[in-house]
């Protein structure tokens, strides 16, 4: 079966529902109500500012969860964690799979697995490297991965989900190893007062660099709103994309509304 498109429904923060034929995938489940304060370790904390566009109990069947990492509540909050046993297979980091157990599969960067939907749709999932902060920060922030999704019928390249990462040599290597047409990029330029100028996710300038270097057809921004520690919202991101000359490649996702993306 050749599939030249997929559907995506943005739910909020890093959370989106991706439907590829009959395969239904959920990214980084965050379903808590707004208002709670979260501690991420080493004095860092944040507050959730908005509710998910779709409630967790309204998702329907989920075949697999693509979980970039389990150790931070802005990527897997308590409500999302409680849903995991009902959401099918979980694909995450090796250390995360060890902590979560159950139906979790751990993938190190460049390792792959294949998912098959009830209707026979097959998607190959390959983990990609992330650096969730400045150099040498991994002992503090832990393992994080992104995901390449490949299936038959992609005329313009694979789909890449960046995960929480800054631009570094591992991101550049993703572009060298794969022909990527569409990228779901975690933005926000995350910073915390206690760690000063250190940044933990991509900003718009880095996403624009990815768009140029990867020769993206479509850039889908997520992870830029809904939390206090997201420091670069849609307005500044749009301005940077316009200045960088890539605005015509960007598709903004309306929360709760499915959109079809050609590949």
Protein backbone atom coordinates (compact mmCIF):
# COMPACT_ATOMS: atom_id res chain seq x y z
CA UNK A 1 0.00 0.00 0.00
CA UNK A 2 1.45 3.35 -1.04
CA UNK A 3 0.58 6.31 1.17
CA UNK A 4 1.42 9.76 -0.16
CA UNK A 5 0.11 11.65 2.86
CA UNK A 6 -0.51 11.45 6.59
CA UNK A 7 -2.87 13.18 9.02
CA UNK A 8 -1.67 15.04 12.10
CA UNK A 9 -3.65 16.50 14.98
CA UNK A 10 -1.74 18.84 17.28
CA UNK A 11 -2.85 18.36 20.90
CA UNK A 12 -0.49 20.73 22.71
CA UNK A 13 3.15 21.16 23.72
CA UNK A 14 5.02 18.14 22.30
CA UNK A 15 1.89 16.03 21.89
CA UNK A 16 0.41 15.15 18.50
CA UNK A 17 -1.61 12.33 16.97
CA UNK A 18 -0.13 11.07 13.69
CA UNK A 19 -2.22 8.81 11.44
CA UNK A 20 -0.48 6.99 8.60
CA UNK A 21 -3.06 4.88 6.82
CA UNK A 22 -4.44 2.66 9.56
CA UNK A 23 -1.56 3.29 11.98
CA UNK A 24 -2.26 5.72 14.84
CA UNK A 25 0.78 7.09 16.68
CA UNK A 26 0.93 9.47 19.64
CA UNK A 27 3.96 11.61 20.45
CA UNK A 28 5.09 12.57 23.98
CA UNK A 29 1.79 12.27 25.92
CA UNK A 30 0.99 15.36 28.04
CA UNK A 31 -2.63 15.52 29.24
CA UNK A 32 -2.52 17.26 32.63
CA UNK A 33 -4.77 20.24 33.27
CA UNK A 34 -2.96 23.62 33.39
CA UNK A 35 -1.78 25.29 36.58
CA UNK A 36 0.45 22.69 38.20
CA UNK A 37 4.13 23.42 38.92
CA UNK A 38 6.69 20.83 37.77
CA UNK A 39 10.28 20.30 38.95
CA UNK A 40 12.81 19.01 36.41
CA UNK A 41 15.82 18.68 38.71
CA UNK A 42 18.85 20.82 39.51
CA UNK A 43 16.62 23.72 40.55
CA UNK A 44 14.71 23.93 37.27
CA UNK A 45 10.94 24.18 37.33
CA UNK A 46 8.01 25.32 35.23
CA UNK A 47 4.23 25.67 35.15
CA UNK A 48 1.80 24.31 32.57
CA UNK A 49 -0.24 27.14 31.05
CA UNK A 50 -2.88 25.53 28.84
CA UNK A 51 -4.97 22.40 28.60
CA UNK A 52 -4.61 19.75 25.89
CA UNK A 53 -6.87 20.28 22.90
CA UNK A 54 -8.08 16.67 23.15
CA UNK A 55 -8.57 14.77 26.41
CA UNK A 56 -6.62 11.58 26.87
CA UNK A 57 -9.75 9.48 27.19
CA UNK A 58 -11.00 10.78 23.82
CA UNK A 59 -8.03 9.58 21.78
CA UNK A 60 -9.46 6.27 20.63
CA UNK A 61 -7.16 3.42 19.63
CA UNK A 62 -3.44 4.19 19.71
CA UNK A 63 -1.10 1.64 18.16
CA UNK A 64 2.12 3.06 19.58
CA UNK A 65 3.56 5.98 21.54
CA UNK A 66 6.70 7.69 20.26
CA UNK A 67 8.18 8.96 23.51
CA UNK A 68 11.30 11.08 23.09
CA UNK A 69 12.06 10.74 26.82
CA UNK A 70 10.23 9.86 30.00
CA UNK A 71 12.20 11.82 32.63
CA UNK A 72 10.64 15.28 32.16
CA UNK A 73 6.99 16.05 32.91
CA UNK A 74 6.64 18.39 29.93
CA UNK A 75 7.07 15.34 27.67
CA UNK A 76 5.36 12.72 29.83
CA UNK A 77 3.22 14.21 32.57
CA UNK A 78 1.29 12.25 35.24
CA UNK A 79 -1.89 12.04 33.16
CA UNK A 80 0.08 10.88 30.11
CA UNK A 81 1.97 8.34 32.19
CA UNK A 82 -1.30 6.94 33.56
CA UNK A 83 -2.54 6.44 29.98
CA UNK A 84 0.50 4.48 28.76
CA UNK A 85 -0.79 0.98 29.66
CA UNK A 86 -3.82 1.58 27.40
CA UNK A 87 -1.91 3.12 24.49
CA UNK A 88 -0.24 0.12 22.90
CA UNK A 89 3.48 -0.19 22.37
CA UNK A 90 5.83 2.52 23.69
CA UNK A 91 9.00 3.30 21.72
CA UNK A 92 11.50 5.37 23.67
CA UNK A 93 15.12 5.51 24.85
CA UNK A 94 16.83 2.37 26.22
CA UNK A 95 16.97 3.84 29.72
CA UNK A 96 13.35 4.98 29.47
CA UNK A 97 12.21 1.51 28.42
CA UNK A 98 14.00 0.11 31.44
CA UNK A 99 12.14 2.49 33.75
CA UNK A 100 8.73 2.06 32.11
CA UNK A 101 8.83 -1.70 31.52
CA UNK A 102 5.72 -3.35 30.12
CA UNK A 103 5.38 -3.01 26.35
CA UNK A 104 8.20 -0.47 26.05
CA UNK A 105 10.89 -0.83 23.39
CA UNK A 106 14.17 1.06 23.80
CA UNK A 107 15.96 2.33 20.71
CA UNK A 108 19.45 3.79 20.73
CA UNK A 109 20.21 6.36 18.01
CA UNK A 110 20.16 4.80 14.50
CA UNK A 111 18.42 1.61 15.72
CA UNK A 112 15.11 0.75 14.03
CA UNK A 113 11.90 -1.16 14.48
CA UNK A 114 8.82 -1.66 12.30
CA UNK A 115 5.20 -1.03 13.25
CA UNK A 116 2.30 -2.73 11.47
CA UNK A 117 -1.27 -1.43 11.70
CA UNK A 118 -4.32 -3.71 11.76
CA UNK A 119 -4.91 -2.89 8.08
CA UNK A 120 -1.36 -3.89 7.14
CA UNK A 121 0.17 -0.40 6.96
CA UNK A 122 3.88 -0.68 7.81
CA UNK A 123 6.08 2.14 9.09
CA UNK A 124 9.78 1.84 9.83
CA UNK A 125 10.82 3.83 12.93
CA UNK A 126 14.47 4.83 13.38
CA UNK A 127 15.72 6.62 16.49
CA UNK A 128 17.78 9.77 15.94
CA UNK A 129 20.23 11.46 18.34
CA UNK A 130 19.29 14.44 20.49
CA UNK A 131 21.28 16.74 22.75
CA UNK A 132 18.77 18.18 25.19
CA UNK A 133 20.95 21.09 26.30
CA UNK A 134 24.45 22.55 26.08
CA UNK A 135 27.58 20.40 25.57
CA UNK A 136 28.19 17.86 28.35
CA UNK A 137 24.63 18.22 29.69
CA UNK A 138 23.54 14.62 29.12
CA UNK A 139 24.45 13.41 32.66
CA UNK A 140 22.06 16.07 33.95
CA UNK A 141 19.19 15.87 31.43
CA UNK A 142 19.37 12.18 30.50
CA UNK A 143 18.81 10.29 27.25
CA UNK A 144 16.54 11.74 24.55
CA UNK A 145 15.79 10.57 21.01
CA UNK A 146 13.93 11.75 17.93
CA UNK A 147 12.30 9.56 15.29
CA UNK A 148 12.46 9.01 11.52
CA UNK A 149 9.26 7.55 10.05
CA UNK A 150 9.49 5.84 6.64
CA UNK A 151 6.78 4.10 4.66
CA UNK A 152 6.00 3.14 1.07
CA UNK A 153 4.74 6.05 -0.98
CA UNK A 154 6.82 8.92 0.41
CA UNK A 155 7.62 10.79 -2.80
CA UNK A 156 9.34 13.73 -1.07
CA UNK A 157 11.28 12.08 1.73
CA UNK A 158 10.78 10.74 5.23
CA UNK A 159 9.07 12.32 8.23
CA UNK A 160 11.38 13.38 11.09
CA UNK A 161 10.26 14.14 14.65
CA UNK A 162 13.12 16.07 16.22
CA UNK A 163 12.47 15.39 19.90
CA UNK A 164 13.83 17.83 22.48
CA UNK A 165 17.21 18.87 21.13
CA UNK A 166 19.34 21.83 20.22
CA UNK A 167 21.11 21.93 16.88
CA UNK A 168 24.37 19.94 17.12
CA UNK A 169 26.38 17.57 14.98
CA UNK A 170 23.92 14.74 15.61
CA UNK A 171 21.12 16.75 14.00
CA UNK A 172 23.32 17.48 11.00
CA UNK A 173 24.04 13.75 10.75
CA UNK A 174 20.30 13.02 10.53
CA UNK A 175 20.17 15.14 7.40
CA UNK A 176 23.17 13.35 5.89
CA UNK A 177 21.81 9.86 6.54
CA UNK A 178 18.20 10.39 5.49
CA UNK A 179 16.25 12.14 2.77
CA UNK A 180 13.75 14.09 4.88
CA UNK A 181 10.82 15.93 3.37
CA UNK A 182 8.79 16.82 6.46
CA UNK A 183 9.98 17.69 9.97
CA UNK A 184 7.97 18.00 13.17
CA UNK A 185 10.36 20.22 15.15
CA UNK A 186 10.31 20.86 18.89
CA UNK A 187 10.90 24.59 19.33
CA UNK A 188 10.45 26.92 22.30
CA UNK A 189 14.08 27.87 22.94
CA UNK A 190 13.70 26.42 26.44
CA UNK A 191 15.66 28.17 29.20
CA UNK A 192 15.49 28.39 32.99
CA UNK A 193 16.54 31.27 35.26
CA UNK A 194 18.75 29.02 37.36
CA UNK A 195 20.85 27.92 34.34
CA UNK A 196 21.14 31.36 32.74
CA UNK A 197 21.68 31.45 28.95
CA UNK A 198 21.82 27.65 28.56
CA UNK A 199 19.18 26.50 26.08
CA UNK A 200 17.57 23.05 25.96
CA UNK A 201 15.55 22.97 22.72
CA UNK A 202 15.84 24.49 19.27
CA UNK A 203 14.91 28.07 18.59
CA UNK A 204 13.53 29.39 15.30
CA UNK A 205 16.96 30.22 13.88
CA UNK A 206 18.10 26.62 14.36
CA UNK A 207 14.88 25.27 12.86
CA UNK A 208 15.40 27.53 9.84
CA UNK A 209 18.92 26.14 9.52
CA UNK A 210 17.49 22.62 9.52
CA UNK A 211 14.96 23.60 6.84
CA UNK A 212 17.74 24.88 4.58
CA UNK A 213 20.27 22.10 5.20
CA UNK A 214 17.71 19.28 4.93
CA UNK A 215 15.95 21.01 1.99
CA UNK A 216 12.64 20.45 3.76
CA UNK A 217 9.39 20.56 1.88
CA UNK A 218 7.35 21.06 5.07
CA UNK A 219 8.25 22.25 8.58
CA UNK A 220 5.67 21.63 11.31
CA UNK A 221 6.40 23.61 14.51
CA UNK A 222 5.33 22.19 17.88
CA UNK A 223 6.57 22.54 21.50
CA UNK A 224 6.49 26.35 21.49
CA UNK A 225 3.43 27.11 23.65
CA UNK A 226 1.67 25.92 26.76
CA UNK A 227 4.53 25.97 29.29
CA UNK A 228 6.22 28.83 31.15
CA UNK A 229 9.75 27.66 30.28
CA UNK A 230 9.06 27.86 26.53
CA UNK A 231 10.77 31.19 25.82
CA UNK A 232 10.09 31.73 22.11
CA UNK A 233 6.43 31.74 21.11
CA UNK A 234 4.75 31.79 17.74
CA UNK A 235 5.17 35.50 17.01
CA UNK A 236 8.98 35.58 17.26
CA UNK A 237 9.19 32.20 15.48
CA UNK A 238 7.14 33.47 12.55
CA UNK A 239 9.28 36.61 12.31
CA UNK A 240 12.49 34.56 12.26
CA UNK A 241 11.13 32.20 9.62
CA UNK A 242 10.15 35.15 7.44
CA UNK A 243 13.58 36.75 7.82
CA UNK A 244 15.22 33.40 7.02
CA UNK A 245 13.21 32.97 3.82
CA UNK A 246 11.57 29.68 4.80
CA UNK A 247 8.07 30.89 5.74
CA UNK A 248 6.58 29.25 2.64
CA UNK A 249 7.66 25.82 3.92
CA UNK A 250 5.97 26.18 7.33
CA UNK A 251 2.57 24.66 8.20
CA UNK A 252 1.12 25.84 11.51
CA UNK A 253 -1.10 23.24 13.17
CA UNK A 254 -4.41 24.35 14.70
CA UNK A 255 -4.84 22.57 18.03
CA UNK A 256 -7.44 19.81 17.94
CA UNK A 257 -7.99 19.97 14.17
CA UNK A 258 -6.64 17.18 11.91
CA UNK A 259 -4.56 18.35 8.98
CA UNK A 260 -3.38 16.33 5.99
CA UNK A 261 0.26 16.61 5.02
CA UNK A 262 1.48 15.40 1.64
CA UNK A 263 4.73 13.43 1.56
